C-alpha cells in the first residue's frame, strides 16, 4: 500500500509519527511524508522520504504578534480542568482558526499529491487541517494523530459545531466539502488511558515510542554508576524557548535551587540552550544533543516544561515527573499527569529555587509517585506497538466501511 503522512512543519509534531511511518516502511509499504519545505531535512534525518506541500510559514513571528497565542500560563492560578464556557469556546475557535492559515498554504499541493500519487491511507497530525479536507475530497481513508494529549478531540455534536471556526468551514468549502461529525473516522491515541483526556473521538490505541531526532553519541559516564545517591534529569524541550525567548528558559533558576542537592543533576540541552545555562554548580553535568530516552533509565526524577514528547518519554520509562508548565498544552499535560499520581507540577509564577527544592523533595520522598509512574509505564507499554498497528490500519484502508471497533480491539 501507499501510505501518506501529512504534518505541518514543526518537528515535535512530526516526531511521534516517525515510529509508525518506519513500521509501515519496514512492512514493505511505500511511505511519503508531506509537509512544508522547512521540515524536509528533519524527515530525511529520520530515514523517510519528504515531499513538499505548501509554503513555509513564519510561525514564531505570528505567535509573537498574536496576544492570545502569546498568553503565558505562568500568570494563571491553579484551576480545575477546562470547562466549555464562552471564553474557552472562543479560545478553541481562535486556535483552530490560526492553524487553518497554515492549512490554506498546504491545501493545493496536498490535493495535487493525493491525486497524482493516489495513497491508500493518509495519516495526519491533528493540527494539519488541510489533510482531512484532501482525504475527503479524494476519497482516501484517513486517520488523525495527536502529538500527545488529544486536546482537540471531538466533543458532543452541539458543542463540536460551536467549536469549529469559520476558517475551518471555508477550508473545506475550497475543496467543495463540508466537515464530517468527526474530522477523521479514527484517531491514533499514543497516550496511556489514565493520562488521556476524555472526548468522543473514536480511538485506535498505539504505544508511544520515544523519538526526538537528536543524534548525540552516548557518553561513557552513562555506562558508569551514578556518582551520587540518585540522578535527576532537567530538560526544557525545544519549542518553548524558540517561541518565547530565553526569558522562558527557566533551567538556571532550577539549578540554583538544586545546587547542593543530594543528587547528580543532568541537564539535557540543545546547542542553542547551552550558553543560557551560565556557570554550573558542582553537582550538575550537561548532556548536549542526547535523546532524553537514553537518560531516563538511570533517573529517579525528571523536571521539565510539560511538552508532550518529554512527558510521554518519562512516562514510557516509568520516571516520576515534576512539571513547570508555561504555555498551551503544557498546563493540561501537567494537570493530567498529576491526576495519575505519577508526578507533581508547579506553575511558573510559583517557581523559585526554594519551591523547586521543596517540590522535588516531595516527589522523591513519597514512594507512591514512583509506584504510579511504573503503573503508567506498564499501561503505556501494554498498548499495541506501531508494528502491531500496521495490519490494523491496512485493514481499515482496504475496507473503511467494514472496519468496526471490534477489528481495532483485536489488535491488542
Protein backbone atom coordinates (compact mmCIF):
# COMPACT_ATOMS: atom_id res chain seq x y z
CA UNK A 1 0.00 0.00 0.00
CA UNK A 2 0.90 3.65 -0.35
CA UNK A 3 0.85 5.50 2.97
CA UNK A 4 0.96 9.30 3.04
CA UNK A 5 1.81 11.07 6.29
CA UNK A 6 0.94 14.77 6.46
CA UNK A 7 2.05 17.31 9.03
CA UNK A 8 2.76 20.99 9.24
CA UNK A 9 6.41 21.96 9.60
CA UNK A 10 7.04 21.64 13.31
CA UNK A 11 9.40 18.84 14.32
CA UNK A 12 7.78 17.91 17.64
CA UNK A 13 4.51 17.22 15.82
CA UNK A 14 6.30 15.02 13.30
CA UNK A 15 8.39 13.03 15.79
CA UNK A 16 5.51 10.92 17.22
CA UNK A 17 4.68 9.84 13.65
CA UNK A 18 8.15 8.51 12.90
CA UNK A 19 7.88 5.08 14.62
CA UNK A 20 4.60 4.34 12.81
CA UNK A 21 5.93 5.57 9.46
CA UNK A 22 9.04 3.41 9.90
CA UNK A 23 6.85 0.43 10.80
CA UNK A 24 4.94 0.84 7.54
CA UNK A 25 8.25 1.16 5.68
CA UNK A 26 9.64 -1.95 7.35
CA UNK A 27 6.49 -3.85 6.34
CA UNK A 28 7.30 -3.01 2.69
CA UNK A 29 4.68 -0.31 2.19
CA UNK A 30 5.51 2.85 0.26
CA UNK A 31 5.72 5.84 2.60
CA UNK A 32 5.85 9.57 1.84
CA UNK A 33 5.82 12.46 4.31
CA UNK A 34 4.12 15.62 3.03
CA UNK A 35 4.94 18.86 4.79
CA UNK A 36 6.13 22.40 4.21
CA UNK A 37 9.72 22.70 2.91
CA UNK A 38 11.14 23.65 6.32
CA UNK A 39 10.60 20.09 7.61
CA UNK A 40 12.36 18.31 4.74
CA UNK A 41 15.76 17.90 6.45
CA UNK A 42 14.10 16.61 9.64
CA UNK A 43 12.21 14.00 7.61
CA UNK A 44 15.36 12.95 5.76
CA UNK A 45 17.27 12.53 9.03
CA UNK A 46 14.50 10.21 10.25
CA UNK A 47 15.15 7.91 7.30
CA UNK A 48 11.94 8.73 5.41
CA UNK A 49 11.11 10.48 2.15
CA UNK A 50 9.71 14.03 2.23
CA UNK A 51 7.58 15.69 -0.42
CA UNK A 52 6.95 19.45 -0.19
CA UNK A 53 3.40 20.66 0.35
CA UNK A 54 2.76 24.39 0.53
CA UNK A 55 4.89 27.33 1.56
CA UNK A 56 6.77 27.89 4.78
CA UNK A 57 5.07 29.98 7.46
CA UNK A 58 6.66 32.34 9.98
CA UNK A 59 5.08 30.56 12.91
CA UNK A 60 7.24 32.13 15.60
CA UNK A 61 6.70 35.63 14.25
CA UNK A 62 2.95 35.09 14.05
CA UNK A 63 2.78 33.71 17.58
CA UNK A 64 4.75 36.62 18.98
CA UNK A 65 2.43 39.06 17.25
CA UNK A 66 -0.75 37.40 18.49
CA UNK A 67 -1.83 38.42 22.02
CA UNK A 68 -3.91 35.33 22.76
CA UNK A 69 -1.41 32.81 21.37
CA UNK A 70 1.28 34.52 23.45
CA UNK A 71 -0.79 34.15 26.65
CA UNK A 72 1.50 32.88 29.38
CA UNK A 73 0.18 30.23 31.74
CA UNK A 74 2.63 31.44 34.39
CA UNK A 75 0.20 34.24 35.31
CA UNK A 76 -2.76 31.93 35.76
CA UNK A 77 -3.79 30.47 39.12
CA UNK A 78 -4.25 26.77 39.62
CA UNK A 79 -7.57 25.72 38.16
CA UNK A 80 -9.80 22.76 37.56
CA UNK A 81 -9.71 21.08 34.12
CA UNK A 82 -11.00 23.27 31.32
CA UNK A 83 -14.76 23.75 31.14
CA UNK A 84 -16.54 24.86 27.98
CA UNK A 85 -17.66 28.34 28.89
CA UNK A 86 -17.86 31.02 26.20
CA UNK A 87 -14.27 32.14 26.78
CA UNK A 88 -12.99 28.58 26.32
CA UNK A 89 -15.02 28.15 23.14
CA UNK A 90 -13.61 31.38 21.71
CA UNK A 91 -10.06 30.27 22.51
CA UNK A 92 -10.57 26.88 20.84
CA UNK A 93 -12.06 28.53 17.72
CA UNK A 94 -9.22 31.05 17.62
CA UNK A 95 -6.60 28.32 17.97
CA UNK A 96 -8.07 26.16 15.19
CA UNK A 97 -8.58 29.23 13.00
CA UNK A 98 -4.92 30.15 13.38
CA UNK A 99 -3.75 26.73 12.16
CA UNK A 100 -6.21 26.88 9.29
CA UNK A 101 -3.97 29.64 7.93
CA UNK A 102 -1.17 27.07 7.63
CA UNK A 103 -3.63 24.62 6.10
CA UNK A 104 -4.51 27.21 3.45
CA UNK A 105 -0.86 27.23 2.36
CA UNK A 106 -0.73 23.43 2.15
CA UNK A 107 -4.12 22.58 0.62
CA UNK A 108 -3.46 22.91 -3.12
CA UNK A 109 -0.17 20.99 -3.06
CA UNK A 110 -1.61 18.29 -0.82
CA UNK A 111 -4.55 17.88 -3.20
CA UNK A 112 -2.14 17.58 -6.13
CA UNK A 113 -0.01 14.99 -4.28
CA UNK A 114 -3.04 12.89 -3.33
CA UNK A 115 -4.49 12.95 -6.85
CA UNK A 116 -1.21 12.04 -8.52
CA UNK A 117 0.28 9.59 -6.03
CA UNK A 118 -3.09 8.09 -5.00
CA UNK A 119 -2.30 6.95 -1.46
CA UNK A 120 -4.26 4.11 0.11
CA UNK A 121 -4.16 5.74 3.55
CA UNK A 122 -3.48 9.24 4.87
CA UNK A 123 -2.19 9.69 8.43
CA UNK A 124 -2.30 13.32 9.57
CA UNK A 125 -1.12 15.38 12.51
CA UNK A 126 -4.09 16.72 14.46
CA UNK A 127 -3.25 20.36 13.62
CA UNK A 128 -2.75 19.75 9.90
CA UNK A 129 -6.28 20.62 8.85
CA UNK A 130 -5.59 20.53 5.11
CA UNK A 131 -5.21 16.74 5.35
CA UNK A 132 -8.80 15.72 6.24
CA UNK A 133 -10.09 18.08 3.55
CA UNK A 134 -7.87 16.38 0.99
CA UNK A 135 -8.79 12.90 2.21
CA UNK A 136 -12.49 13.68 1.96
CA UNK A 137 -12.18 15.34 -1.46
CA UNK A 138 -10.11 12.48 -2.90
CA UNK A 139 -11.88 9.60 -1.16
CA UNK A 140 -8.75 8.48 0.73
CA UNK A 141 -9.21 6.58 4.02
CA UNK A 142 -7.58 8.63 6.76
CA UNK A 143 -6.74 8.73 10.47
CA UNK A 144 -5.67 11.64 12.64
CA UNK A 145 -2.76 11.51 15.05
CA UNK A 146 -2.43 13.91 18.00
CA UNK A 147 1.10 14.71 19.12
CA UNK A 148 0.25 13.91 22.76
CA UNK A 149 -2.88 14.51 24.79
CA UNK A 150 -5.86 14.91 22.47
CA UNK A 151 -6.75 18.50 23.34
CA UNK A 152 -8.69 18.90 20.08
CA UNK A 153 -10.70 15.68 20.23
CA UNK A 154 -14.34 15.57 19.13
CA UNK A 155 -16.89 16.90 21.61
CA UNK A 156 -20.67 16.21 21.78
CA UNK A 157 -22.35 17.27 18.49
CA UNK A 158 -23.98 20.51 19.68
CA UNK A 159 -20.73 21.68 21.28
CA UNK A 160 -18.50 20.43 18.45
CA UNK A 161 -20.39 22.58 15.95
CA UNK A 162 -19.78 25.68 18.08
CA UNK A 163 -16.07 24.87 18.39
CA UNK A 164 -15.47 24.87 14.63
CA UNK A 165 -14.47 28.30 13.34
CA UNK A 166 -15.46 29.80 10.01
CA UNK A 167 -11.87 29.38 8.80
CA UNK A 168 -12.27 25.60 9.03
CA UNK A 169 -15.58 25.63 7.15
CA UNK A 170 -14.03 27.86 4.47
CA UNK A 171 -11.09 25.47 4.11
CA UNK A 172 -13.43 22.56 3.40
CA UNK A 173 -15.51 24.71 1.06
CA UNK A 174 -12.44 25.43 -1.07
CA UNK A 175 -12.43 21.75 -1.99
CA UNK A 176 -16.21 21.54 -2.29
CA UNK A 177 -16.56 19.71 1.02
CA UNK A 178 -18.15 20.04 4.44
CA UNK A 179 -16.54 18.65 7.61
CA UNK A 180 -17.89 15.38 8.96
CA UNK A 181 -19.02 14.90 12.56
CA UNK A 182 -15.54 13.54 13.27
CA UNK A 183 -12.80 15.16 11.21
CA UNK A 184 -11.33 11.66 10.92
CA UNK A 185 -13.11 8.34 11.41
CA UNK A 186 -10.33 7.14 13.73
CA UNK A 187 -7.75 8.79 15.98
CA UNK A 188 -4.43 7.11 16.79
CA UNK A 189 -4.03 7.51 20.55
CA UNK A 190 -0.43 7.38 21.82
CA UNK A 191 -1.24 8.12 25.47
CA UNK A 192 -1.83 5.67 28.30
CA UNK A 193 -5.56 5.75 29.09
CA UNK A 194 -5.10 7.20 32.59
CA UNK A 195 -3.26 10.19 31.12
CA UNK A 196 -5.56 10.87 28.18
CA UNK A 197 -8.34 13.46 28.06
CA UNK A 198 -11.89 12.23 27.69
CA UNK A 199 -13.57 13.09 24.39
CA UNK A 200 -15.71 11.40 21.74
CA UNK A 201 -13.05 10.73 19.08
CA UNK A 202 -13.04 7.03 18.08
CA UNK A 203 -9.59 5.78 19.04
CA UNK A 204 -7.01 3.25 17.96
CA UNK A 205 -4.53 2.87 20.83
CA UNK A 206 -0.84 2.75 19.94
CA UNK A 207 2.21 2.66 22.19
CA UNK A 208 4.23 5.87 22.27
CA UNK A 209 7.79 5.14 21.20
CA UNK A 210 10.31 7.89 22.06
CA UNK A 211 11.95 9.64 19.13
CA UNK A 212 13.19 13.23 19.09
CA UNK A 213 15.53 13.40 16.14
CA UNK A 214 18.67 14.01 18.18
CA UNK A 215 21.75 12.05 17.23
CA UNK A 216 24.10 12.65 20.16
CA UNK A 217 26.61 9.94 20.99
CA UNK A 218 26.06 8.09 24.25
CA UNK A 219 28.66 9.38 26.75
CA UNK A 220 30.78 6.92 28.71
CA UNK A 221 29.52 8.25 32.05
CA UNK A 222 26.04 6.88 31.29
CA UNK A 223 27.52 3.38 31.47
CA UNK A 224 29.03 4.03 34.90
CA UNK A 225 27.33 4.04 38.33
CA UNK A 226 25.59 7.30 39.26
CA UNK A 227 28.13 9.42 41.12
CA UNK A 228 25.60 10.48 43.78
CA UNK A 229 22.79 8.74 45.60
CA UNK A 230 20.49 9.34 42.63
CA UNK A 231 20.24 11.13 39.29
CA UNK A 232 17.70 13.82 38.36
CA UNK A 233 17.28 14.95 34.76
CA UNK A 234 16.27 18.50 33.81
CA UNK A 235 15.11 19.29 30.26
CA UNK A 236 13.25 22.20 28.66
CA UNK A 237 12.36 20.66 25.32
CA UNK A 238 12.90 22.74 22.19
CA UNK A 239 9.70 24.67 21.45
CA UNK A 240 9.14 26.94 24.48
CA UNK A 241 12.37 28.90 24.18
CA UNK A 242 12.03 29.15 20.40
CA UNK A 243 8.54 30.61 20.72
CA UNK A 244 9.01 32.88 23.69
CA UNK A 245 12.70 33.61 24.01
CA UNK A 246 15.39 32.97 26.63
CA UNK A 247 13.35 34.51 29.47
CA UNK A 248 11.19 31.38 29.34
CA UNK A 249 14.19 29.07 29.75
CA UNK A 250 13.80 28.53 33.47
CA UNK A 251 16.53 25.91 33.92
CA UNK A 252 19.12 28.27 35.51
CA UNK A 253 16.71 29.04 38.35
CA UNK A 254 16.01 25.34 38.82
CA UNK A 255 19.74 24.58 39.01
CA UNK A 256 20.19 27.33 41.59
CA UNK A 257 17.67 25.60 43.81
CA UNK A 258 19.39 22.24 43.39
CA UNK A 259 23.00 23.45 43.68
CA UNK A 260 23.78 21.44 46.81
CA UNK A 261 21.05 18.84 46.40
CA UNK A 262 21.97 15.25 47.21
CA UNK A 263 21.72 14.11 43.61
CA UNK A 264 23.57 14.24 40.34
CA UNK A 265 21.69 16.75 38.17
CA UNK A 266 21.90 16.14 34.42
CA UNK A 267 20.67 18.87 32.09
CA UNK A 268 19.62 17.67 28.64
CA UNK A 269 20.18 20.68 26.40
CA UNK A 270 20.44 21.65 22.76
CA UNK A 271 23.49 23.58 21.50
CA UNK A 272 21.39 26.77 21.47
CA UNK A 273 20.40 26.26 25.11
CA UNK A 274 23.90 25.54 26.41
CA UNK A 275 25.01 29.22 26.64
CA UNK A 276 21.85 30.05 28.62
CA UNK A 277 22.93 27.81 31.50
CA UNK A 278 25.80 30.00 32.66
CA UNK A 279 28.11 28.71 35.41
CA UNK A 280 27.10 25.28 36.64
CA UNK A 281 27.01 24.02 40.23
CA UNK A 282 29.42 21.19 41.05
CA UNK A 283 26.65 18.56 41.08
CA UNK A 284 25.44 19.41 37.54
CA UNK A 285 26.59 17.98 34.25
CA UNK A 286 25.24 18.70 30.74
CA UNK A 287 24.21 16.14 28.13
CA UNK A 288 24.15 18.06 24.86
CA UNK A 289 22.06 16.84 21.91
CA UNK A 290 21.40 13.50 23.60
CA UNK A 291 17.98 11.87 23.34
CA UNK A 292 16.36 12.02 26.78
CA UNK A 293 15.19 8.44 26.35
CA UNK A 294 18.85 7.45 26.81
CA UNK A 295 18.97 9.29 30.14
CA UNK A 296 15.66 8.16 31.62
CA UNK A 297 16.54 4.60 32.74
CA UNK A 298 19.13 5.92 35.22
CA UNK A 299 16.97 8.75 36.61
CA UNK A 300 14.98 8.90 39.83
CA UNK A 301 13.06 12.02 38.73
CA UNK A 302 12.59 14.25 35.70
CA UNK A 303 12.00 18.02 35.81
CA UNK A 304 10.68 19.58 32.60
CA UNK A 305 8.38 22.12 30.98
CA UNK A 306 5.48 19.79 30.19
CA UNK A 307 5.80 19.28 26.46
CA UNK A 308 4.08 16.23 25.03
CA UNK A 309 7.27 14.47 23.99
CA UNK A 310 9.06 15.00 27.30
CA UNK A 311 6.00 13.95 29.32
CA UNK A 312 5.44 10.77 27.32
CA UNK A 313 9.13 9.85 27.20
CA UNK A 314 9.29 9.94 31.01
CA UNK A 315 6.02 8.01 31.21
CA UNK A 316 7.48 5.40 28.85
CA UNK A 317 10.44 4.97 31.24
CA UNK A 318 8.35 4.96 34.43
CA UNK A 319 10.10 8.00 35.93
CA UNK A 320 8.29 10.37 38.37
CA UNK A 321 7.95 13.88 36.93
CA UNK A 322 7.99 17.45 38.22
CA UNK A 323 6.46 19.72 35.57
CA UNK A 324 6.75 23.51 35.31
CA UNK A 325 4.11 24.39 32.68
CA UNK A 326 4.19 27.74 30.94
CA UNK A 327 2.14 27.74 27.72
CA UNK A 328 -0.55 26.00 25.68
CA UNK A 329 -0.97 22.28 26.24
CA UNK A 330 1.79 22.14 28.87
CA UNK A 331 -0.68 23.11 31.60
CA UNK A 332 -3.06 20.35 30.55
CA UNK A 333 -0.23 17.81 30.40
CA UNK A 334 0.82 18.79 33.94
CA UNK A 335 -2.68 18.56 35.40
CA UNK A 336 -3.42 15.23 33.74
CA UNK A 337 -0.10 13.81 34.91
CA UNK A 338 -0.71 14.96 38.49
CA UNK A 339 -4.10 13.25 38.31
CA UNK A 340 -2.40 9.90 37.64
CA UNK A 341 -0.29 10.23 40.79
CA UNK A 342 2.90 9.88 38.73
CA UNK A 343 4.06 13.46 39.15
CA UNK A 344 3.63 16.95 40.54
CA UNK A 345 3.63 20.40 38.98
CA UNK A 346 4.49 23.92 39.99
CA UNK A 347 3.37 26.92 37.94
CA UNK A 348 5.99 29.29 36.67
CA UNK A 349 4.69 32.10 38.87
CA UNK A 350 5.39 29.89 41.88
CA UNK A 351 8.81 28.82 40.65
CA UNK A 352 11.66 29.82 42.93
CA UNK A 353 14.84 27.98 43.88
CA UNK A 354 13.13 27.11 47.15
CA UNK A 355 9.91 25.85 45.53
CA UNK A 356 11.83 23.60 43.12
CA UNK A 357 13.70 22.03 46.00
CA UNK A 358 10.52 21.63 48.04
CA UNK A 359 8.59 20.02 45.17
CA UNK A 360 11.44 17.67 44.28
CA UNK A 361 11.74 16.65 47.94
CA UNK A 362 8.03 15.80 47.96
CA UNK A 363 8.30 13.86 44.69
CA UNK A 364 11.22 11.74 45.89
CA UNK A 365 10.08 11.26 49.49
CA UNK A 366 6.72 9.68 48.67
CA UNK A 367 7.16 6.22 47.11
CA UNK A 368 3.64 6.50 45.69
CA UNK A 369 4.90 8.70 42.86
CA UNK A 370 7.44 6.11 41.73
CA UNK A 371 4.85 3.34 42.07
CA UNK A 372 2.33 5.24 39.96
CA UNK A 373 4.98 6.14 37.38
CA UNK A 374 5.72 2.43 36.95
CA UNK A 375 1.98 1.74 36.68
CA UNK A 376 1.69 4.41 33.97
CA UNK A 377 4.70 2.91 32.16
CA UNK A 378 3.19 -0.57 32.25
CA UNK A 379 -0.12 0.78 30.97
CA UNK A 380 1.62 2.54 28.09
CA UNK A 381 3.76 -0.45 27.20
CA UNK A 382 0.71 -2.73 27.16
CA UNK A 383 -0.63 -0.82 24.14
CA UNK A 384 -0.09 -2.15 20.60
CA UNK A 385 3.27 -1.25 19.09
CA UNK A 386 3.46 0.73 15.84
CA UNK A 387 4.24 -2.56 14.09
CA UNK A 388 1.09 -4.08 15.65
CA UNK A 389 -0.98 -1.21 14.30
CA UNK A 390 0.21 -1.55 10.69
CA UNK A 391 -2.05 -4.53 9.82
CA UNK A 392 -4.96 -2.88 11.65
CA UNK A 393 -4.58 0.27 9.57
CA UNK A 394 -4.13 -1.65 6.33
CA UNK A 395 -7.41 -3.48 7.06
CA UNK A 396 -9.07 -0.13 7.61
CA UNK A 397 -7.59 1.26 4.38
CA UNK A 398 -8.76 -1.77 2.42
CA UNK A 399 -12.32 -1.64 3.75
CA UNK A 400 -13.19 1.56 5.67
CA UNK A 401 -16.92 0.82 5.65
CA UNK A 402 -16.46 -2.65 7.08
CA UNK A 403 -13.90 -1.64 9.70
CA UNK A 404 -15.54 -1.94 13.12
CA UNK A 405 -14.36 -1.22 16.69
CA UNK A 406 -14.07 -4.97 17.24
CA UNK A 407 -11.44 -5.04 14.48
CA UNK A 408 -9.40 -2.40 16.27
CA UNK A 409 -9.66 -4.14 19.64
CA UNK A 410 -8.49 -7.40 18.11
CA UNK A 411 -5.10 -5.80 17.51
CA UNK A 412 -4.35 -5.89 21.24
